[in-house]
Amino acid sequence: MSVAIIGGNECMIRRYAELCSDYKCKVKVYPKMTSSLKNMGSPDLLVLFTNTVSHKMVHCALGKVGIHTKIARSHSSSIEALKKILDEHAV
């Protein structure tokens, strides 16, 4: 399963990646707006940490994903919030 994480804290990127690898998921993390966001592809799961991301970035990410992509939104960008999302969608 491929996962794209939009938002979150830059200092947590490694921990997000480690948690996703525990669930056997490939992950790409975009903590801030960059040109690489436009080449995101079509992940199986799009995680939006809404507290730490701009509206422009959300609209850009939602415009790039395919119709079969599951979208999970969380106000909190903690490891526990990501774990809860992965428990629900990745198993």
N, C-alpha and C. Protein backbone atom coordinates (compact mmCIF):
# COMPACT_ATOMS: atom_id res chain seq x y z
N MET A 1 0.85 -1.17 0.00
CA MET A 1 0.00 0.00 0.00
C MET A 1 0.89 1.23 0.00
N SER A 2 0.55 2.21 -0.80
CA SER A 2 1.31 3.46 -0.83
C SER A 2 0.52 4.54 -0.08
N VAL A 3 1.26 5.35 0.67
CA VAL A 3 0.66 6.39 1.50
C VAL A 3 1.36 7.71 1.21
N ALA A 4 0.58 8.76 1.07
CA ALA A 4 1.13 10.12 0.96
C ALA A 4 0.62 10.91 2.15
N ILE A 5 1.53 11.54 2.87
CA ILE A 5 1.17 12.33 4.04
C ILE A 5 1.39 13.79 3.69
N ILE A 6 0.33 14.58 3.81
CA ILE A 6 0.38 16.00 3.50
C ILE A 6 0.28 16.76 4.82
N GLY A 7 1.27 17.61 5.09
CA GLY A 7 1.30 18.37 6.33
C GLY A 7 2.12 17.64 7.37
N GLY A 8 1.87 17.93 8.60
CA GLY A 8 2.65 17.32 9.67
C GLY A 8 3.84 18.18 10.03
N ASN A 9 4.65 17.68 10.93
CA ASN A 9 5.83 18.41 11.39
C ASN A 9 7.07 17.89 10.67
N GLU A 10 7.94 18.79 10.25
CA GLU A 10 9.15 18.39 9.54
C GLU A 10 10.04 17.50 10.40
N CYS A 11 10.07 17.74 11.69
CA CYS A 11 10.94 16.95 12.57
C CYS A 11 10.39 15.53 12.80
N MET A 12 9.17 15.26 12.35
CA MET A 12 8.55 13.95 12.55
C MET A 12 8.59 13.08 11.30
N ILE A 13 9.20 13.54 10.22
CA ILE A 13 9.18 12.80 8.96
C ILE A 13 9.72 11.38 9.14
N ARG A 14 10.83 11.25 9.83
CA ARG A 14 11.43 9.93 10.03
C ARG A 14 10.51 9.02 10.82
N ARG A 15 9.86 9.55 11.84
CA ARG A 15 8.95 8.73 12.65
C ARG A 15 7.71 8.33 11.86
N TYR A 16 7.19 9.23 11.01
CA TYR A 16 6.07 8.87 10.15
C TYR A 16 6.48 7.72 9.23
N ALA A 17 7.67 7.81 8.64
CA ALA A 17 8.15 6.77 7.72
C ALA A 17 8.35 5.44 8.44
N GLU A 18 8.90 5.47 9.65
CA GLU A 18 9.10 4.24 10.41
C GLU A 18 7.78 3.57 10.74
N LEU A 19 6.79 4.36 11.15
CA LEU A 19 5.48 3.79 11.48
C LEU A 19 4.83 3.18 10.25
N CYS A 20 4.92 3.87 9.12
CA CYS A 20 4.33 3.32 7.89
C CYS A 20 5.04 2.05 7.46
N SER A 21 6.35 1.98 7.65
CA SER A 21 7.06 0.75 7.28
C SER A 21 6.67 -0.41 8.19
N ASP A 22 6.30 -0.13 9.43
CA ASP A 22 5.79 -1.17 10.33
C ASP A 22 4.49 -1.77 9.79
N TYR A 23 3.72 -0.97 9.05
CA TYR A 23 2.48 -1.43 8.45
C TYR A 23 2.69 -1.92 7.01
N LYS A 24 3.94 -2.06 6.61
CA LYS A 24 4.30 -2.52 5.25
C LYS A 24 3.78 -1.57 4.17
N CYS A 25 3.86 -0.27 4.44
CA CYS A 25 3.40 0.74 3.50
C CYS A 25 4.60 1.55 2.98
N LYS A 26 4.54 1.92 1.71
CA LYS A 26 5.50 2.86 1.16
C LYS A 26 4.94 4.24 1.42
N VAL A 27 5.80 5.17 1.84
CA VAL A 27 5.30 6.48 2.24
C VAL A 27 6.11 7.60 1.60
N LYS A 28 5.40 8.67 1.28
CA LYS A 28 6.00 9.93 0.88
C LYS A 28 5.40 10.99 1.79
N VAL A 29 6.25 11.82 2.37
CA VAL A 29 5.78 12.84 3.31
C VAL A 29 6.07 14.21 2.72
N TYR A 30 5.05 15.06 2.69
CA TYR A 30 5.16 16.43 2.18
C TYR A 30 4.75 17.38 3.30
N PRO A 31 5.70 17.80 4.16
CA PRO A 31 5.33 18.67 5.28
C PRO A 31 5.05 20.11 4.86
N LYS A 32 5.56 20.52 3.69
CA LYS A 32 5.29 21.87 3.21
C LYS A 32 5.18 21.86 1.70
N MET A 33 4.65 22.94 1.16
CA MET A 33 4.40 23.05 -0.28
C MET A 33 5.72 23.09 -1.04
N THR A 34 5.91 22.12 -1.92
CA THR A 34 7.08 22.08 -2.78
C THR A 34 6.64 21.68 -4.19
N SER A 35 7.53 21.82 -5.13
CA SER A 35 7.19 21.43 -6.49
C SER A 35 7.05 19.92 -6.63
N SER A 36 7.67 19.15 -5.73
CA SER A 36 7.56 17.69 -5.81
C SER A 36 6.15 17.21 -5.47
N LEU A 37 5.36 18.05 -4.83
CA LEU A 37 3.96 17.69 -4.53
C LEU A 37 3.18 17.47 -5.81
N LYS A 38 3.56 18.16 -6.87
CA LYS A 38 2.86 18.01 -8.14
C LYS A 38 3.14 16.66 -8.78
N ASN A 39 4.22 15.99 -8.37
CA ASN A 39 4.58 14.68 -8.89
C ASN A 39 4.25 13.57 -7.88
N MET A 40 3.22 13.79 -7.10
CA MET A 40 2.87 12.87 -6.02
C MET A 40 2.39 11.52 -6.55
N GLY A 41 1.78 11.51 -7.70
CA GLY A 41 1.24 10.27 -8.22
C GLY A 41 -0.15 10.00 -7.66
N SER A 42 -0.51 8.73 -7.60
CA SER A 42 -1.82 8.34 -7.11
C SER A 42 -1.65 7.30 -5.99
N PRO A 43 -1.49 7.75 -4.75
CA PRO A 43 -1.30 6.80 -3.64
C PRO A 43 -2.61 6.10 -3.31
N ASP A 44 -2.49 4.99 -2.59
CA ASP A 44 -3.68 4.27 -2.14
C ASP A 44 -4.38 5.01 -1.00
N LEU A 45 -3.60 5.72 -0.19
CA LEU A 45 -4.14 6.45 0.95
C LEU A 45 -3.49 7.83 1.03
N LEU A 46 -4.31 8.86 1.13
CA LEU A 46 -3.82 10.23 1.30
C LEU A 46 -4.20 10.68 2.71
N VAL A 47 -3.19 11.00 3.51
CA VAL A 47 -3.40 11.47 4.88
C VAL A 47 -3.19 12.97 4.91
N LEU A 48 -4.19 13.71 5.35
CA LEU A 48 -4.11 15.16 5.45
C LEU A 48 -4.11 15.55 6.92
N PHE A 49 -3.00 16.13 7.38
CA PHE A 49 -2.93 16.68 8.73
C PHE A 49 -3.37 18.13 8.63
N THR A 50 -4.64 18.39 8.88
CA THR A 50 -5.26 19.67 8.56
C THR A 50 -4.80 20.83 9.43
N ASN A 51 -4.24 20.56 10.59
CA ASN A 51 -3.81 21.65 11.46
C ASN A 51 -2.52 22.30 10.98
N THR A 52 -1.70 21.56 10.24
CA THR A 52 -0.38 22.07 9.87
C THR A 52 -0.22 22.24 8.36
N VAL A 53 -1.32 22.41 7.65
CA VAL A 53 -1.25 22.52 6.19
C VAL A 53 -2.16 23.65 5.72
N SER A 54 -1.75 24.32 4.64
CA SER A 54 -2.53 25.42 4.11
C SER A 54 -3.67 24.89 3.22
N HIS A 55 -4.68 25.73 3.02
CA HIS A 55 -5.79 25.35 2.16
C HIS A 55 -5.31 25.13 0.73
N LYS A 56 -4.36 25.94 0.29
CA LYS A 56 -3.81 25.81 -1.06
C LYS A 56 -3.16 24.44 -1.25
N MET A 57 -2.44 23.98 -0.25
CA MET A 57 -1.77 22.69 -0.34
C MET A 57 -2.78 21.55 -0.34
N VAL A 58 -3.84 21.66 0.43
CA VAL A 58 -4.90 20.65 0.45
C VAL A 58 -5.55 20.56 -0.92
N HIS A 59 -5.90 21.70 -1.52
CA HIS A 59 -6.53 21.70 -2.83
C HIS A 59 -5.60 21.13 -3.90
N CYS A 60 -4.33 21.45 -3.82
CA CYS A 60 -3.36 20.92 -4.77
C CYS A 60 -3.26 19.41 -4.64
N ALA A 61 -3.18 18.90 -3.42
CA ALA A 61 -3.07 17.46 -3.19
C ALA A 61 -4.33 16.73 -3.63
N LEU A 62 -5.48 17.27 -3.31
CA LEU A 62 -6.73 16.61 -3.68
C LEU A 62 -6.94 16.61 -5.20
N GLY A 63 -6.38 17.61 -5.87
CA GLY A 63 -6.50 17.66 -7.32
C GLY A 63 -5.59 16.67 -8.03
N LYS A 64 -4.57 16.17 -7.36
CA LYS A 64 -3.60 15.27 -7.97
C LYS A 64 -3.90 13.80 -7.77
N VAL A 65 -4.72 13.45 -6.80
CA VAL A 65 -4.94 12.03 -6.50
C VAL A 65 -6.00 11.44 -7.43
N GLY A 66 -5.98 10.13 -7.56
CA GLY A 66 -6.94 9.41 -8.40
C GLY A 66 -8.26 9.19 -7.69
N ILE A 67 -9.20 8.61 -8.42
CA ILE A 67 -10.54 8.41 -7.86
C ILE A 67 -10.59 7.25 -6.88
N HIS A 68 -9.59 6.37 -6.91
CA HIS A 68 -9.58 5.21 -6.02
C HIS A 68 -8.78 5.45 -4.74
N THR A 69 -8.26 6.66 -4.57
CA THR A 69 -7.46 6.99 -3.39
C THR A 69 -8.37 7.24 -2.20
N LYS A 70 -8.08 6.57 -1.09
CA LYS A 70 -8.80 6.83 0.16
C LYS A 70 -8.20 8.09 0.77
N ILE A 71 -9.05 8.93 1.36
CA ILE A 71 -8.59 10.17 1.96
C ILE A 71 -8.93 10.16 3.44
N ALA A 72 -7.91 10.39 4.28
CA ALA A 72 -8.11 10.45 5.73
C ALA A 72 -7.64 11.81 6.21
N ARG A 73 -8.46 12.48 6.98
CA ARG A 73 -8.12 13.79 7.53
C ARG A 73 -8.00 13.69 9.04
N SER A 74 -6.99 14.38 9.56
CA SER A 74 -6.80 14.41 11.00
C SER A 74 -6.35 15.81 11.41
N HIS A 75 -6.96 16.34 12.45
CA HIS A 75 -6.55 17.65 12.93
C HIS A 75 -5.19 17.57 13.63
N SER A 76 -4.96 16.46 14.29
CA SER A 76 -3.69 16.26 14.99
C SER A 76 -2.68 15.61 14.05
N SER A 77 -1.42 16.02 14.16
CA SER A 77 -0.36 15.43 13.32
C SER A 77 0.58 14.56 14.16
N SER A 78 0.03 13.94 15.20
CA SER A 78 0.84 13.11 16.08
C SER A 78 1.02 11.71 15.52
N ILE A 79 1.94 10.97 16.10
CA ILE A 79 2.16 9.58 15.72
C ILE A 79 0.92 8.74 16.04
N GLU A 80 0.28 9.01 17.15
CA GLU A 80 -0.92 8.27 17.53
C GLU A 80 -2.05 8.50 16.53
N ALA A 81 -2.18 9.72 16.04
CA ALA A 81 -3.21 10.00 15.04
C ALA A 81 -2.93 9.23 13.76
N LEU A 82 -1.67 9.19 13.33
CA LEU A 82 -1.30 8.42 12.14
C LEU A 82 -1.51 6.93 12.37
N LYS A 83 -1.18 6.46 13.56
CA LYS A 83 -1.36 5.03 13.88
C LYS A 83 -2.83 4.65 13.80
N LYS A 84 -3.70 5.52 14.30
CA LYS A 84 -5.13 5.26 14.26
C LYS A 84 -5.64 5.21 12.81
N ILE A 85 -5.12 6.10 11.96
CA ILE A 85 -5.50 6.12 10.55
C ILE A 85 -5.03 4.86 9.85
N LEU A 86 -3.79 4.45 10.12
CA LEU A 86 -3.25 3.25 9.49
C LEU A 86 -3.95 1.98 9.98
N ASP A 87 -4.33 1.95 11.25
CA ASP A 87 -5.10 0.81 11.77
C ASP A 87 -6.42 0.66 11.01
N GLU A 88 -7.02 1.80 10.68
CA GLU A 88 -8.31 1.79 10.02
C GLU A 88 -8.21 1.47 8.53
N HIS A 89 -7.17 1.96 7.86
CA HIS A 89 -7.11 1.87 6.40
C HIS A 89 -6.09 0.88 5.85
N ALA A 90 -5.02 0.63 6.56
CA ALA A 90 -3.93 -0.16 6.00
C ALA A 90 -4.06 -1.66 6.26
N VAL A 91 -4.95 -2.06 7.10
CA VAL A 91 -5.06 -3.49 7.43
C VAL A 91 -6.11 -4.15 6.58
